C-alpha atoms as a PDB file:
ATOM      1  CA  UNK A   1     127.675 103.824  89.155  1.00  0.00           C
ATOM      2  CA  UNK A   2     125.093 105.642  87.060  1.00  0.00           C
ATOM      3  CA  UNK A   3     123.788 104.345  83.718  1.00  0.00           C
ATOM      4  CA  UNK A   4     126.352 106.254  81.627  1.00  0.00           C
ATOM      5  CA  UNK A   5     129.283 105.053  83.749  1.00  0.00           C
ATOM      6  CA  UNK A   6     127.987 101.489  83.618  1.00  0.00           C
ATOM      7  CA  UNK A   7     127.680 101.622  79.825  1.00  0.00           C
ATOM      8  CA  UNK A   8     131.237 103.002  79.461  1.00  0.00           C
ATOM      9  CA  UNK A   9     132.574 100.345  81.835  1.00  0.00           C
ATOM     10  CA  UNK A  10     130.879  97.523  79.918  1.00  0.00           C
ATOM     11  CA  UNK A  11     132.237  98.819  76.601  1.00  0.00           C
ATOM     12  CA  UNK A  12     135.814  98.696  77.915  1.00  0.00           C
ATOM     13  CA  UNK A  13     135.963  95.177  79.349  1.00  0.00           C
ATOM     14  CA  UNK A  14     136.449  91.806  77.699  1.00  0.00           C
ATOM     15  CA  UNK A  15     133.555  89.374  77.166  1.00  0.00           C
ATOM     16  CA  UNK A  16     135.092  87.147  79.864  1.00  0.00           C
ATOM     17  CA  UNK A  17     135.158  90.044  82.353  1.00  0.00           C
ATOM     18  CA  UNK A  18     131.569  90.913  81.432  1.00  0.00           C
ATOM     19  CA  UNK A  19     130.471  87.305  82.002  1.00  0.00           C
ATOM     20  CA  UNK A  20     132.258  87.219  85.366  1.00  0.00           C
ATOM     21  CA  UNK A  21     130.659  90.531  86.392  1.00  0.00           C
ATOM     22  CA  UNK A  22     127.202  89.208  85.419  1.00  0.00           C
ATOM     23  CA  UNK A  23     127.761  85.994  87.379  1.00  0.00           C
ATOM     24  CA  UNK A  24     128.940  87.952  90.419  1.00  0.00           C
ATOM     25  CA  UNK A  25     125.936  90.289  90.224  1.00  0.00           C
ATOM     26  CA  UNK A  26     123.437  87.406  90.047  1.00  0.00           C
ATOM     27  CA  UNK A  27     125.093  85.527  92.914  1.00  0.00           C
ATOM     28  CA  UNK A  28     125.126  88.663  95.057  1.00  0.00           C
ATOM     29  CA  UNK A  29     121.445  89.405  94.399  1.00  0.00           C
ATOM     30  CA  UNK A  30     120.279  85.813  94.999  1.00  0.00           C
ATOM     31  CA  UNK A  31     122.345  85.540  98.171  1.00  0.00           C
ATOM     32  CA  UNK A  32     120.896  88.828  99.443  1.00  0.00           C
ATOM     33  CA  UNK A  33     117.388  87.425  98.962  1.00  0.00           C
ATOM     34  CA  UNK A  34     118.347  84.180 100.699  1.00  0.00           C
ATOM     35  CA  UNK A  35     119.970  86.101 103.560  1.00  0.00           C
ATOM     36  CA  UNK A  36     116.765  88.089 104.033  1.00  0.00           C
ATOM     37  CA  UNK A  37     114.127  85.375 103.874  1.00  0.00           C
ATOM     38  CA  UNK A  38     115.760  82.030 104.646  1.00  0.00           C
ATOM     39  CA  UNK A  39     116.299  82.758 108.367  1.00  0.00           C
ATOM     40  CA  UNK A  40     112.590  83.612 108.688  1.00  0.00           C
ATOM     41  CA  UNK A  41     111.362  80.450 106.979  1.00  0.00           C
ATOM     42  CA  UNK A  42     110.218  77.201 108.522  1.00  0.00           C
ATOM     43  CA  UNK A  43     109.830  75.311 105.248  1.00  0.00           C
ATOM     44  CA  UNK A  44     109.833  75.881 101.541  1.00  0.00           C
ATOM     45  CA  UNK A  45     110.157  74.550  98.062  1.00  0.00           C
ATOM     46  CA  UNK A  46     112.570  74.986  95.179  1.00  0.00           C
ATOM     47  CA  UNK A  47     111.389  74.602  91.602  1.00  0.00           C
ATOM     48  CA  UNK A  48     113.122  74.378  88.251  1.00  0.00           C
ATOM     49  CA  UNK A  49     111.237  74.685  84.950  1.00  0.00           C
ATOM     50  CA  UNK A  50     113.043  74.537  81.632  1.00  0.00           C
ATOM     51  CA  UNK A  51     112.139  76.653  78.622  1.00  0.00           C
ATOM     52  CA  UNK A  52     112.546  74.375  75.614  1.00  0.00           C
ATOM     53  CA  UNK A  53     113.255  75.518  72.049  1.00  0.00           C
ATOM     54  CA  UNK A  54     110.600  75.019  69.394  1.00  0.00           C
ATOM     55  CA  UNK A  55     111.414  72.125  67.052  1.00  0.00           C
ATOM     56  CA  UNK A  56     108.608  72.807  64.624  1.00  0.00           C
ATOM     57  CA  UNK A  57     105.009  73.874  64.268  1.00  0.00           C
ATOM     58  CA  UNK A  58     102.781  71.173  62.811  1.00  0.00           C
ATOM     59  CA  UNK A  59     101.316  72.262  59.491  1.00  0.00           C
ATOM     60  CA  UNK A  60      98.284  70.003  60.044  1.00  0.00           C
ATOM     61  CA  UNK A  61      97.331  70.905  63.599  1.00  0.00           C
ATOM     62  CA  UNK A  62      99.211  74.128  64.204  1.00  0.00           C
ATOM     63  CA  UNK A  63     100.546  72.538  67.394  1.00  0.00           C
ATOM     64  CA  UNK A  64     103.964  73.658  68.593  1.00  0.00           C
ATOM     65  CA  UNK A  65     106.415  70.806  69.107  1.00  0.00           C
ATOM     66  CA  UNK A  66     109.295  71.516  71.465  1.00  0.00           C
ATOM     67  CA  UNK A  67     112.661  69.809  71.839  1.00  0.00           C
ATOM     68  CA  UNK A  68     112.503  68.313  75.343  1.00  0.00           C
ATOM     69  CA  UNK A  69     116.220  67.407  75.216  1.00  0.00           C
ATOM     70  CA  UNK A  70     117.379  71.034  74.964  1.00  0.00           C
ATOM     71  CA  UNK A  71     116.799  74.207  76.945  1.00  0.00           C
ATOM     72  CA  UNK A  72     117.031  77.873  75.978  1.00  0.00           C
ATOM     73  CA  UNK A  73     116.380  79.072  79.491  1.00  0.00           C
ATOM     74  CA  UNK A  74     115.312  78.071  82.959  1.00  0.00           C
ATOM     75  CA  UNK A  75     112.851  79.433  85.492  1.00  0.00           C
ATOM     76  CA  UNK A  76     113.927  79.098  89.110  1.00  0.00           C
ATOM     77  CA  UNK A  77     111.411  79.524  91.874  1.00  0.00           C
ATOM     78  CA  UNK A  78     111.884  79.490  95.609  1.00  0.00           C
ATOM     79  CA  UNK A  79     108.951  79.605  97.995  1.00  0.00           C
ATOM     80  CA  UNK A  80     109.505  80.141 101.707  1.00  0.00           C
ATOM     81  CA  UNK A  81     106.818  79.587 104.303  1.00  0.00           C
ATOM     82  CA  UNK A  82     107.128  81.702 107.445  1.00  0.00           C
ATOM     83  CA  UNK A  83     106.056  80.664 110.959  1.00  0.00           C
ATOM     84  CA  UNK A  84     104.212  83.964 111.260  1.00  0.00           C
ATOM     85  CA  UNK A  85     103.660  86.989 109.012  1.00  0.00           C
ATOM     86  CA  UNK A  86     106.773  89.088 108.545  1.00  0.00           C
ATOM     87  CA  UNK A  87     106.803  92.859 108.374  1.00  0.00           C
ATOM     88  CA  UNK A  88     108.257  94.762 105.445  1.00  0.00           C
ATOM     89  CA  UNK A  89     110.147  97.959 106.023  1.00  0.00           C
ATOM     90  CA  UNK A  90     110.579 100.795 103.558  1.00  0.00           C
ATOM     91  CA  UNK A  91     114.006 100.883 101.991  1.00  0.00           C
ATOM     92  CA  UNK A  92     116.007 104.036 102.755  1.00  0.00           C
ATOM     93  CA  UNK A  93     116.126 106.507  99.899  1.00  0.00           C
ATOM     94  CA  UNK A  94     119.335 106.452  97.876  1.00  0.00           C
ATOM     95  CA  UNK A  95     121.374 109.641  97.725  1.00  0.00           C
ATOM     96  CA  UNK A  96     121.950 110.851  94.184  1.00  0.00           C
END
């Protein structure tokens, strides 16, 4: 689907369908990455870091105070360690 077709599609679906399509896209992309690198790994680490909303900025110090009990986003990181260096291959060119 090109950009114009994608835009038209998104304009003609419900918010629920859009949310489901987004969730499916993210799951597909993350699983593709896992399918590629997980079999090559011997160990690894998973990290989660929350992005907290700003509560206020102190007028005295100028320090930003965040609300540690809420999150506006999350960073996910996955690090795989390989037994030996892996080789990358060029992706085939897409036909237009």
